[in-house]
Amino acid sequence: MSADLRGHLLLPDGPLPERAARVRIELRDVGVQDAPAPLLAAVDWHDVPLGARRVAFRMPGVPDLTGRQVAVQVHVDVGGRGHVTSGDLLTTQHVPVTDLHTDVDVPLTRV
């Protein structure tokens, strides 16, 4: 059974471009040791307006989180290069998800 993860991307202070070419939000199982964190769910948006400092998101298809340690990772690809470059926005701190009944706030940092 799957559910939706909901929350807000918290954009940093300072000037931002009007739009981002792509936003990728991932939910990863960070409880796995000595291996890359497996991807549990992801959502991609294209041509995303960045006018608001809080951008609401919804990630459908999130599997049952029972017994897992999971965290959100975000890359706001401002220029559309497909990899992290100067001016992009990223998660730089651990943003845990403990349940799917509470919205999660995801602070972002400019590269």
C-alpha atoms as a PDB file:
ATOM      1  CA  MET A   1       0.000   0.000   0.000  1.00  0.00           C
ATOM      2  CA  SER A   2       1.356   3.428  -0.868  1.00  0.00           C
ATOM      3  CA  ALA A   3       0.551   6.934   0.303  1.00  0.00           C
ATOM      4  CA  ASP A   4       1.542  10.539  -0.403  1.00  0.00           C
ATOM      5  CA  LEU A   5       4.297  12.550   1.242  1.00  0.00           C
ATOM      6  CA  ARG A   6       3.448  16.243   1.487  1.00  0.00           C
ATOM      7  CA  GLY A   7       5.512  19.210   2.525  1.00  0.00           C
ATOM      8  CA  HIS A   8       7.189  22.463   1.593  1.00  0.00           C
ATOM      9  CA  LEU A   9      10.511  23.374   0.053  1.00  0.00           C
ATOM     10  CA  LEU A  10      11.885  26.328   2.034  1.00  0.00           C
ATOM     11  CA  LEU A  11      13.867  28.515  -0.358  1.00  0.00           C
ATOM     12  CA  PRO A  12      16.815  30.554   0.963  1.00  0.00           C
ATOM     13  CA  ASP A  13      16.812  34.320   1.390  1.00  0.00           C
ATOM     14  CA  GLY A  14      18.288  36.487  -1.328  1.00  0.00           C
ATOM     15  CA  PRO A  15      17.625  36.847  -5.019  1.00  0.00           C
ATOM     16  CA  LEU A  16      16.458  33.792  -6.943  1.00  0.00           C
ATOM     17  CA  PRO A  17      15.683  33.273 -10.604  1.00  0.00           C
ATOM     18  CA  GLU A  18      12.004  33.363 -11.513  1.00  0.00           C
ATOM     19  CA  ARG A  19      11.997  29.677 -12.509  1.00  0.00           C
ATOM     20  CA  ALA A  20      14.010  26.495 -12.111  1.00  0.00           C
ATOM     21  CA  ALA A  21      14.481  24.165 -15.061  1.00  0.00           C
ATOM     22  CA  ARG A  22      13.956  21.084 -12.883  1.00  0.00           C
ATOM     23  CA  VAL A  23      13.216  20.117  -9.279  1.00  0.00           C
ATOM     24  CA  ARG A  24      13.903  16.557  -8.125  1.00  0.00           C
ATOM     25  CA  ILE A  25      12.650  15.400  -4.731  1.00  0.00           C
ATOM     26  CA  GLU A  26      13.765  11.978  -3.493  1.00  0.00           C
ATOM     27  CA  LEU A  27      12.832   9.868  -0.495  1.00  0.00           C
ATOM     28  CA  ARG A  28      15.705   7.582   0.513  1.00  0.00           C
ATOM     29  CA  ASP A  29      16.152   4.812   3.073  1.00  0.00           C
ATOM     30  CA  VAL A  30      19.092   6.207   5.039  1.00  0.00           C
ATOM     31  CA  GLY A  31      19.052   3.374   7.585  1.00  0.00           C
ATOM     32  CA  VAL A  32      21.012   1.087   5.267  1.00  0.00           C
ATOM     33  CA  GLN A  33      24.631   0.947   6.395  1.00  0.00           C
ATOM     34  CA  ASP A  34      27.742   0.630   4.222  1.00  0.00           C
ATOM     35  CA  ALA A  35      25.786   1.126   1.000  1.00  0.00           C
ATOM     36  CA  PRO A  36      24.159   3.929  -0.964  1.00  0.00           C
ATOM     37  CA  ALA A  37      20.750   4.903   0.433  1.00  0.00           C
ATOM     38  CA  PRO A  38      18.108   3.097  -1.656  1.00  0.00           C
ATOM     39  CA  LEU A  39      15.585   5.271  -3.489  1.00  0.00           C
ATOM     40  CA  LEU A  40      12.032   4.645  -2.208  1.00  0.00           C
ATOM     41  CA  ALA A  41      10.144   7.286  -4.208  1.00  0.00           C
ATOM     42  CA  ALA A  42      10.859  10.370  -6.300  1.00  0.00           C
ATOM     43  CA  VAL A  43       9.119  13.157  -8.148  1.00  0.00           C
ATOM     44  CA  ASP A  44      10.440  15.447 -10.908  1.00  0.00           C
ATOM     45  CA  TRP A  45       9.005  18.804 -11.868  1.00  0.00           C
ATOM     46  CA  HIS A  46      10.028  20.910 -14.860  1.00  0.00           C
ATOM     47  CA  ASP A  47       9.881  24.689 -15.391  1.00  0.00           C
ATOM     48  CA  VAL A  48       9.068  25.382 -11.729  1.00  0.00           C
ATOM     49  CA  PRO A  49       8.218  28.938 -10.534  1.00  0.00           C
ATOM     50  CA  LEU A  50      10.377  30.071  -7.603  1.00  0.00           C
ATOM     51  CA  GLY A  51       8.513  33.251  -6.652  1.00  0.00           C
ATOM     52  CA  ALA A  52       7.316  31.988  -3.261  1.00  0.00           C
ATOM     53  CA  ARG A  53       9.730  31.244  -0.413  1.00  0.00           C
ATOM     54  CA  ARG A  54       7.652  28.128   0.429  1.00  0.00           C
ATOM     55  CA  VAL A  55       6.910  25.773  -2.438  1.00  0.00           C
ATOM     56  CA  ALA A  56       4.358  23.071  -1.649  1.00  0.00           C
ATOM     57  CA  PHE A  57       5.007  19.556  -2.919  1.00  0.00           C
ATOM     58  CA  ARG A  58       3.318  16.174  -3.028  1.00  0.00           C
ATOM     59  CA  MET A  59       5.117  12.900  -3.659  1.00  0.00           C
ATOM     60  CA  PRO A  60       2.714  10.072  -4.540  1.00  0.00           C
ATOM     61  CA  GLY A  61       3.518   6.389  -4.326  1.00  0.00           C
ATOM     62  CA  VAL A  62       5.481   6.372  -1.064  1.00  0.00           C
ATOM     63  CA  PRO A  63       5.722   2.803   0.280  1.00  0.00           C
ATOM     64  CA  ASP A  64       5.087   1.786   3.893  1.00  0.00           C
ATOM     65  CA  LEU A  65       7.784   3.373   6.074  1.00  0.00           C
ATOM     66  CA  THR A  66       7.431   0.977   9.016  1.00  0.00           C
ATOM     67  CA  GLY A  67      10.839   0.003  10.349  1.00  0.00           C
ATOM     68  CA  ARG A  68      12.742   2.330   8.021  1.00  0.00           C
ATOM     69  CA  GLN A  69      14.810   5.451   8.587  1.00  0.00           C
ATOM     70  CA  VAL A  70      14.020   7.747   5.685  1.00  0.00           C
ATOM     71  CA  ALA A  71      15.019  11.242   4.628  1.00  0.00           C
ATOM     72  CA  VAL A  72      14.193  13.722   1.868  1.00  0.00           C
ATOM     73  CA  GLN A  73      16.837  14.930  -0.577  1.00  0.00           C
ATOM     74  CA  VAL A  74      16.182  17.770  -3.028  1.00  0.00           C
ATOM     75  CA  HIS A  75      18.013  19.274  -6.008  1.00  0.00           C
ATOM     76  CA  VAL A  76      16.625  22.446  -7.568  1.00  0.00           C
ATOM     77  CA  ASP A  77      18.417  22.538 -10.922  1.00  0.00           C
ATOM     78  CA  VAL A  78      18.144  26.219 -11.769  1.00  0.00           C
ATOM     79  CA  GLY A  79      19.979  26.148 -15.100  1.00  0.00           C
ATOM     80  CA  GLY A  80      18.873  22.727 -16.306  1.00  0.00           C
ATOM     81  CA  ARG A  81      22.346  21.222 -16.561  1.00  0.00           C
ATOM     82  CA  GLY A  82      21.327  17.911 -15.000  1.00  0.00           C
ATOM     83  CA  HIS A  83      23.976  18.026 -12.289  1.00  0.00           C
ATOM     84  CA  VAL A  84      24.785  20.316  -9.355  1.00  0.00           C
ATOM     85  CA  THR A  85      26.210  23.672 -10.444  1.00  0.00           C
ATOM     86  CA  SER A  86      26.674  27.099  -8.897  1.00  0.00           C
ATOM     87  CA  GLY A  87      23.323  28.750  -8.152  1.00  0.00           C
ATOM     88  CA  ASP A  88      21.409  25.490  -7.682  1.00  0.00           C
ATOM     89  CA  LEU A  89      19.553  24.767  -4.434  1.00  0.00           C
ATOM     90  CA  LEU A  90      20.131  21.596  -2.383  1.00  0.00           C
ATOM     91  CA  THR A  91      19.286  19.936   0.889  1.00  0.00           C
ATOM     92  CA  THR A  92      22.401  20.191   3.042  1.00  0.00           C
ATOM     93  CA  GLN A  93      21.005  18.831   6.276  1.00  0.00           C
ATOM     94  CA  HIS A  94      19.251  15.641   7.291  1.00  0.00           C
ATOM     95  CA  VAL A  95      15.476  15.997   6.782  1.00  0.00           C
ATOM     96  CA  PRO A  96      13.864  12.923   8.352  1.00  0.00           C
ATOM     97  CA  VAL A  97      10.379  11.649   7.593  1.00  0.00           C
ATOM     98  CA  THR A  98       8.829   9.797  10.507  1.00  0.00           C
ATOM     99  CA  ASP A  99       5.307   9.373   9.158  1.00  0.00           C
ATOM    100  CA  LEU A 100       3.122  10.363   6.234  1.00  0.00           C
ATOM    101  CA  HIS A 101       0.514  12.156   8.349  1.00  0.00           C
ATOM    102  CA  THR A 102       2.632  15.253   8.969  1.00  0.00           C
ATOM    103  CA  ASP A 103       3.897  17.691   6.325  1.00  0.00           C
ATOM    104  CA  VAL A 104       7.684  17.950   6.146  1.00  0.00           C
ATOM    105  CA  ASP A 105       9.542  21.244   5.727  1.00  0.00           C
ATOM    106  CA  VAL A 106      12.698  20.927   3.624  1.00  0.00           C
ATOM    107  CA  PRO A 107      15.158  23.833   3.971  1.00  0.00           C
ATOM    108  CA  LEU A 108      17.322  24.404   0.916  1.00  0.00           C
ATOM    109  CA  THR A 109      20.753  26.002   0.568  1.00  0.00           C
ATOM    110  CA  ARG A 110      22.199  27.786  -2.449  1.00  0.00           C
ATOM    111  CA  VAL A 111      25.337  26.208  -3.936  1.00  0.00           C
END
